[in-house]
Amino acid sequence: MASGSNPGDGMVVVPCTMGALAAIANGMSEN
């Protein structure tokens, strides 16, 4: 799921911290 060539059908972050949400919103991609 780290590549668009094999992304899978979907993803759920549950529960989601505000830190993870902020990183996703800003395209950090550090992990």
PDB file of all heavy atoms in Angstrom:
ATOM      1  N   MET A   1       0.804  -1.223   0.000  1.00  0.00           N
ATOM      2  CA  MET A   1       0.000   0.000   0.000  1.00  0.00           C
ATOM      3  C   MET A   1       0.837   1.271   0.000  1.00  0.00           C
ATOM      4  O   MET A   1       0.298   2.381  -0.020  1.00  0.00           O
ATOM      5  CB  MET A   1      -0.966   0.003   1.186  1.00  0.00           C
ATOM      6  CG  MET A   1      -0.323   0.018   2.545  1.00  0.00           C
ATOM      7  SD  MET A   1       0.239  -1.611   3.056  1.00  0.00           S
ATOM      8  CE  MET A   1       0.373  -1.360   4.827  1.00  0.00           C
ATOM      9  N   ALA A   2       2.180   1.120  -0.065  1.00  0.00           N
ATOM     10  CA  ALA A   2       3.051   2.291  -0.141  1.00  0.00           C
ATOM     11  C   ALA A   2       3.180   2.821  -1.562  1.00  0.00           C
ATOM     12  O   ALA A   2       3.807   3.856  -1.780  1.00  0.00           O
ATOM     13  CB  ALA A   2       4.435   1.948   0.413  1.00  0.00           C
ATOM     14  N   SER A   3       2.586   2.125  -2.520  1.00  0.00           N
ATOM     15  CA  SER A   3       2.715   2.539  -3.922  1.00  0.00           C
ATOM     16  C   SER A   3       1.365   2.591  -4.617  1.00  0.00           C
ATOM     17  O   SER A   3       0.497   1.740  -4.375  1.00  0.00           O
ATOM     18  CB  SER A   3       3.630   1.559  -4.670  1.00  0.00           C
ATOM     19  OG  SER A   3       3.623   1.839  -6.058  1.00  0.00           O
ATOM     20  N   GLY A   4       1.212   3.551  -5.482  1.00  0.00           N
ATOM     21  CA  GLY A   4      -0.008   3.646  -6.276  1.00  0.00           C
ATOM     22  C   GLY A   4      -0.172   2.515  -7.266  1.00  0.00           C
ATOM     23  O   GLY A   4      -1.264   2.318  -7.811  1.00  0.00           O
ATOM     24  N   SER A   5       0.892   1.734  -7.494  1.00  0.00           N
ATOM     25  CA  SER A   5       0.757   0.586  -8.384  1.00  0.00           C
ATOM     26  C   SER A   5       0.080  -0.594  -7.704  1.00  0.00           C
ATOM     27  O   SER A   5      -0.293  -1.558  -8.363  1.00  0.00           O
ATOM     28  CB  SER A   5       2.135   0.158  -8.910  1.00  0.00           C
ATOM     29  OG  SER A   5       2.931  -0.366  -7.852  1.00  0.00           O
ATOM     30  N   ASN A   6      -0.082  -0.525  -6.363  1.00  0.00           N
ATOM     31  CA  ASN A   6      -0.732  -1.616  -5.628  1.00  0.00           C
ATOM     32  C   ASN A   6      -1.425  -1.049  -4.386  1.00  0.00           C
ATOM     33  O   ASN A   6      -1.140  -1.463  -3.256  1.00  0.00           O
ATOM     34  CB  ASN A   6       0.303  -2.674  -5.231  1.00  0.00           C
ATOM     35  CG  ASN A   6      -0.349  -3.972  -4.783  1.00  0.00           C
ATOM     36  OD1 ASN A   6      -1.556  -4.171  -4.927  1.00  0.00           O
ATOM     37  ND2 ASN A   6       0.441  -4.866  -4.230  1.00  0.00           N
ATOM     38  N   PRO A   7      -2.346  -0.105  -4.569  1.00  0.00           N
ATOM     39  CA  PRO A   7      -2.871   0.633  -3.415  1.00  0.00           C
ATOM     40  C   PRO A   7      -3.917  -0.096  -2.594  1.00  0.00           C
ATOM     41  O   PRO A   7      -4.174   0.275  -1.455  1.00  0.00           O
ATOM     42  CB  PRO A   7      -3.496   1.871  -4.071  1.00  0.00           C
ATOM     43  CG  PRO A   7      -3.946   1.378  -5.412  1.00  0.00           C
ATOM     44  CD  PRO A   7      -2.907   0.376  -5.838  1.00  0.00           C
ATOM     45  N   GLY A   8      -4.540  -1.112  -3.141  1.00  0.00           N
ATOM     46  CA  GLY A   8      -5.673  -1.719  -2.447  1.00  0.00           C
ATOM     47  C   GLY A   8      -6.932  -0.905  -2.676  1.00  0.00           C
ATOM     48  O   GLY A   8      -6.949   0.090  -3.412  1.00  0.00           O
ATOM     49  N   ASP A   9      -7.997  -1.312  -2.023  1.00  0.00           N
ATOM     50  CA  ASP A   9      -9.309  -0.715  -2.278  1.00  0.00           C
ATOM     51  C   ASP A   9      -9.659   0.427  -1.338  1.00  0.00           C
ATOM     52  O   ASP A   9     -10.553   1.223  -1.635  1.00  0.00           O
ATOM     53  CB  ASP A   9     -10.390  -1.797  -2.173  1.00  0.00           C
ATOM     54  CG  ASP A   9     -10.184  -2.902  -3.198  1.00  0.00           C
ATOM     55  OD1 ASP A   9     -10.249  -2.587  -4.395  1.00  0.00           O
ATOM     56  OD2 ASP A   9      -9.939  -4.055  -2.801  1.00  0.00           O
ATOM     57  N   GLY A  10      -9.005   0.510  -0.187  1.00  0.00           N
ATOM     58  CA  GLY A  10      -9.343   1.571   0.750  1.00  0.00           C
ATOM     59  C   GLY A  10      -8.523   1.463   2.004  1.00  0.00           C
ATOM     60  O   GLY A  10      -7.765   0.497   2.210  1.00  0.00           O
ATOM     61  N   MET A  11      -8.695   2.465   2.869  1.00  0.00           N
ATOM     62  CA  MET A  11      -7.936   2.531   4.112  1.00  0.00           C
ATOM     63  C   MET A  11      -8.778   3.226   5.162  1.00  0.00           C
ATOM     64  O   MET A  11      -9.509   4.179   4.864  1.00  0.00           O
ATOM     65  CB  MET A  11      -6.641   3.308   3.896  1.00  0.00           C
ATOM     66  CG  MET A  11      -5.785   3.508   5.142  1.00  0.00           C
ATOM     67  SD  MET A  11      -4.223   4.339   4.726  1.00  0.00           S
ATOM     68  CE  MET A  11      -3.469   4.429   6.355  1.00  0.00           C
ATOM     69  N   VAL A  12      -8.661   2.743   6.396  1.00  0.00           N
ATOM     70  CA  VAL A  12      -9.313   3.394   7.522  1.00  0.00           C
ATOM     71  C   VAL A  12      -8.300   3.564   8.650  1.00  0.00           C
ATOM     72  O   VAL A  12      -7.564   2.621   8.969  1.00  0.00           O
ATOM     73  CB  VAL A  12     -10.565   2.618   7.994  1.00  0.00           C
ATOM     74  CG1 VAL A  12     -10.247   1.177   8.335  1.00  0.00           C
ATOM     75  CG2 VAL A  12     -11.219   3.313   9.171  1.00  0.00           C
ATOM     76  N   VAL A  13      -8.229   4.775   9.183  1.00  0.00           N
ATOM     77  CA  VAL A  13      -7.376   5.056  10.334  1.00  0.00           C
ATOM     78  C   VAL A  13      -8.301   5.206  11.527  1.00  0.00           C
ATOM     79  O   VAL A  13      -9.053   6.178  11.631  1.00  0.00           O
ATOM     80  CB  VAL A  13      -6.548   6.340  10.133  1.00  0.00           C
ATOM     81  CG1 VAL A  13      -5.595   6.541  11.313  1.00  0.00           C
ATOM     82  CG2 VAL A  13      -5.764   6.273   8.823  1.00  0.00           C
ATOM     83  N   VAL A  14      -8.254   4.194  12.427  1.00  0.00           N
ATOM     84  CA  VAL A  14      -9.235   4.135  13.511  1.00  0.00           C
ATOM     85  C   VAL A  14      -8.602   3.524  14.759  1.00  0.00           C
ATOM     86  O   VAL A  14      -8.231   2.356  14.742  1.00  0.00           O
ATOM     87  CB  VAL A  14     -10.493   3.349  13.077  1.00  0.00           C
ATOM     88  CG1 VAL A  14     -10.169   1.951  12.534  1.00  0.00           C
ATOM     89  CG2 VAL A  14     -11.485   3.218  14.240  1.00  0.00           C
ATOM     90  N   PRO A  15      -8.440   4.301  15.825  1.00  0.00           N
ATOM     91  CA  PRO A  15      -8.724   5.731  15.922  1.00  0.00           C
ATOM     92  C   PRO A  15      -7.607   6.549  15.278  1.00  0.00           C
ATOM     93  O   PRO A  15      -6.505   6.047  15.066  1.00  0.00           O
ATOM     94  CB  PRO A  15      -8.782   5.966  17.432  1.00  0.00           C
ATOM     95  CG  PRO A  15      -7.824   4.947  17.987  1.00  0.00           C
ATOM     96  CD  PRO A  15      -7.965   3.740  17.110  1.00  0.00           C
ATOM     97  N   CYS A  16      -7.902   7.810  14.994  1.00  0.00           N
ATOM     98  CA  CYS A  16      -6.948   8.682  14.307  1.00  0.00           C
ATOM     99  C   CYS A  16      -6.597   9.861  15.205  1.00  0.00           C
ATOM    100  O   CYS A  16      -7.480  10.624  15.617  1.00  0.00           O
ATOM    101  CB  CYS A  16      -7.552   9.181  12.997  1.00  0.00           C
ATOM    102  SG  CYS A  16      -6.439  10.188  12.004  1.00  0.00           S
ATOM    103  N   THR A  17      -5.310  10.021  15.516  1.00  0.00           N
ATOM    104  CA  THR A  17      -4.866  11.171  16.299  1.00  0.00           C
ATOM    105  C   THR A  17      -4.908  12.432  15.444  1.00  0.00           C
ATOM    106  O   THR A  17      -4.899  12.379  14.212  1.00  0.00           O
ATOM    107  CB  THR A  17      -3.429  10.978  16.805  1.00  0.00           C
ATOM    108  OG1 THR A  17      -2.552  10.876  15.668  1.00  0.00           O
ATOM    109  CG2 THR A  17      -3.291   9.752  17.676  1.00  0.00           C
ATOM    110  N   MET A  18      -4.908  13.566  16.108  1.00  0.00           N
ATOM    111  CA  MET A  18      -4.833  14.828  15.388  1.00  0.00           C
ATOM    112  C   MET A  18      -3.483  14.982  14.703  1.00  0.00           C
ATOM    113  O   MET A  18      -3.378  15.613  13.650  1.00  0.00           O
ATOM    114  CB  MET A  18      -5.090  15.995  16.331  1.00  0.00           C
ATOM    115  CG  MET A  18      -6.505  16.058  16.877  1.00  0.00           C
ATOM    116  SD  MET A  18      -7.771  16.230  15.581  1.00  0.00           S
ATOM    117  CE  MET A  18      -8.381  14.548  15.512  1.00  0.00           C
ATOM    118  N   GLY A  19      -2.442  14.391  15.277  1.00  0.00           N
ATOM    119  CA  GLY A  19      -1.133  14.439  14.644  1.00  0.00           C
ATOM    120  C   GLY A  19      -1.107  13.680  13.331  1.00  0.00           C
ATOM    121  O   GLY A  19      -0.581  14.165  12.319  1.00  0.00           O
ATOM    122  N   ALA A  20      -1.670  12.463  13.329  1.00  0.00           N
ATOM    123  CA  ALA A  20      -1.724  11.680  12.094  1.00  0.00           C
ATOM    124  C   ALA A  20      -2.598  12.373  11.068  1.00  0.00           C
ATOM    125  O   ALA A  20      -2.272  12.423   9.872  1.00  0.00           O
ATOM    126  CB  ALA A  20      -2.254  10.280  12.391  1.00  0.00           C
ATOM    127  N   LEU A  21      -3.723  12.932  11.511  1.00  0.00           N
ATOM    128  CA  LEU A  21      -4.626  13.623  10.602  1.00  0.00           C
ATOM    129  C   LEU A  21      -3.927  14.822   9.962  1.00  0.00           C
ATOM    130  O   LEU A  21      -4.026  15.046   8.743  1.00  0.00           O
ATOM    131  CB  LEU A  21      -5.878  14.065  11.353  1.00  0.00           C
ATOM    132  CG  LEU A  21      -7.034  14.611  10.530  1.00  0.00           C
ATOM    133  CD1 LEU A  21      -8.370  14.166  11.115  1.00  0.00           C
ATOM    134  CD2 LEU A  21      -6.984  16.130  10.448  1.00  0.00           C
ATOM    135  N   ALA A  22      -3.181  15.593  10.754  1.00  0.00           N
ATOM    136  CA  ALA A  22      -2.462  16.751  10.229  1.00  0.00           C
ATOM    137  C   ALA A  22      -1.391  16.329   9.229  1.00  0.00           C
ATOM    138  O   ALA A  22      -1.213  16.963   8.180  1.00  0.00           O
ATOM    139  CB  ALA A  22      -1.841  17.548  11.376  1.00  0.00           C
ATOM    140  N   ALA A  23      -0.670  15.251   9.544  1.00  0.00           N
ATOM    141  CA  ALA A  23       0.376  14.773   8.640  1.00  0.00           C
ATOM    142  C   ALA A  23      -0.214  14.326   7.310  1.00  0.00           C
ATOM    143  O   ALA A  23       0.339  14.604   6.236  1.00  0.00           O
ATOM    144  CB  ALA A  23       1.147  13.626   9.296  1.00  0.00           C
ATOM    145  N   ILE A  24      -1.347  13.646   7.361  1.00  0.00           N
ATOM    146  CA  ILE A  24      -2.012  13.195   6.130  1.00  0.00           C
ATOM    147  C   ILE A  24      -2.513  14.397   5.342  1.00  0.00           C
ATOM    148  O   ILE A  24      -2.364  14.464   4.115  1.00  0.00           O
ATOM    149  CB  ILE A  24      -3.165  12.234   6.468  1.00  0.00           C
ATOM    150  CG1 ILE A  24      -2.628  10.943   7.096  1.00  0.00           C
ATOM    151  CG2 ILE A  24      -3.980  11.909   5.221  1.00  0.00           C
ATOM    152  CD1 ILE A  24      -3.692  10.075   7.748  1.00  0.00           C
ATOM    153  N   ALA A  25      -3.100  15.369   6.035  1.00  0.00           N
ATOM    154  CA  ALA A  25      -3.647  16.551   5.367  1.00  0.00           C
ATOM    155  C   ALA A  25      -2.571  17.334   4.629  1.00  0.00           C
ATOM    156  O   ALA A  25      -2.851  17.987   3.616  1.00  0.00           O
ATOM    157  CB  ALA A  25      -4.350  17.446   6.384  1.00  0.00           C
ATOM    158  N   ASN A  26      -1.341  17.252   5.136  1.00  0.00           N
ATOM    159  CA  ASN A  26      -0.255  18.038   4.550  1.00  0.00           C
ATOM    160  C   ASN A  26       0.735  17.190   3.761  1.00  0.00           C
ATOM    161  O   ASN A  26       1.822  17.671   3.418  1.00  0.00           O
ATOM    162  CB  ASN A  26       0.454  18.825   5.655  1.00  0.00           C
ATOM    163  CG  ASN A  26      -0.423  19.937   6.189  1.00  0.00           C
ATOM    164  OD1 ASN A  26      -0.557  20.989   5.566  1.00  0.00           O
ATOM    165  ND2 ASN A  26      -1.059  19.716   7.334  1.00  0.00           N
ATOM    166  N   GLY A  27       0.364  15.941   3.462  1.00  0.00           N
ATOM    167  CA  GLY A  27       1.170  15.099   2.584  1.00  0.00           C
ATOM    168  C   GLY A  27       2.556  14.796   3.097  1.00  0.00           C
ATOM    169  O   GLY A  27       3.503  14.669   2.314  1.00  0.00           O
ATOM    170  N   MET A  28       2.706  14.601   4.402  1.00  0.00           N
ATOM    171  CA  MET A  28       4.038  14.408   4.973  1.00  0.00           C
ATOM    172  C   MET A  28       4.702  13.120   4.501  1.00  0.00           C
ATOM    173  O   MET A  28       5.882  13.106   4.156  1.00  0.00           O
ATOM    174  CB  MET A  28       3.960  14.436   6.501  1.00  0.00           C
ATOM    175  CG  MET A  28       3.412  15.739   7.068  1.00  0.00           C
ATOM    176  SD  MET A  28       4.353  17.190   6.558  1.00  0.00           S
ATOM    177  CE  MET A  28       5.870  16.954   7.468  1.00  0.00           C
ATOM    178  N   SER A  29       3.977  12.007   4.538  1.00  0.00           N
ATOM    179  CA  SER A  29       4.486  10.711   4.044  1.00  0.00           C
ATOM    180  C   SER A  29       5.823  10.327   4.669  1.00  0.00           C
ATOM    181  O   SER A  29       6.719   9.828   3.983  1.00  0.00           O
ATOM    182  CB  SER A  29       4.600  10.730   2.513  1.00  0.00           C
ATOM    183  OG  SER A  29       3.325  10.819   1.916  1.00  0.00           O
ATOM    184  N   GLU A  30       5.963  10.549   5.976  1.00  0.00           N
ATOM    185  CA  GLU A  30       7.215  10.227   6.656  1.00  0.00           C
ATOM    186  C   GLU A  30       7.250   8.819   7.229  1.00  0.00           C
ATOM    187  O   GLU A  30       8.279   8.389   7.739  1.00  0.00           O
ATOM    188  CB  GLU A  30       7.475  11.255   7.765  1.00  0.00           C
ATOM    189  CG  GLU A  30       7.780  12.645   7.220  1.00  0.00           C
ATOM    190  CD  GLU A  30       8.139  13.634   8.305  1.00  0.00           C
ATOM    191  OE1 GLU A  30       7.897  13.331   9.497  1.00  0.00           O
ATOM    192  OE2 GLU A  30       8.659  14.712   7.960  1.00  0.00           O
ATOM    193  N   ASN A  31       6.128   8.112   7.181  1.00  0.00           N
ATOM    194  CA  ASN A  31       6.099   6.714   7.598  1.00  0.00           C
ATOM    195  C   ASN A  31       5.056   5.993   6.754  1.00  0.00           C
ATOM    196  O   ASN A  31       4.380   6.607   5.906  1.00  0.00           O
ATOM    197  CB  ASN A  31       5.806   6.589   9.103  1.00  0.00           C
ATOM    198  CG  ASN A  31       4.514   7.288   9.500  1.00  0.00           C
ATOM    199  OD1 ASN A  31       3.468   7.088   8.880  1.00  0.00           O
ATOM    200  ND2 ASN A  31       4.578   8.115  10.536  1.00  0.00           N
TER     201      ASN A  31
END
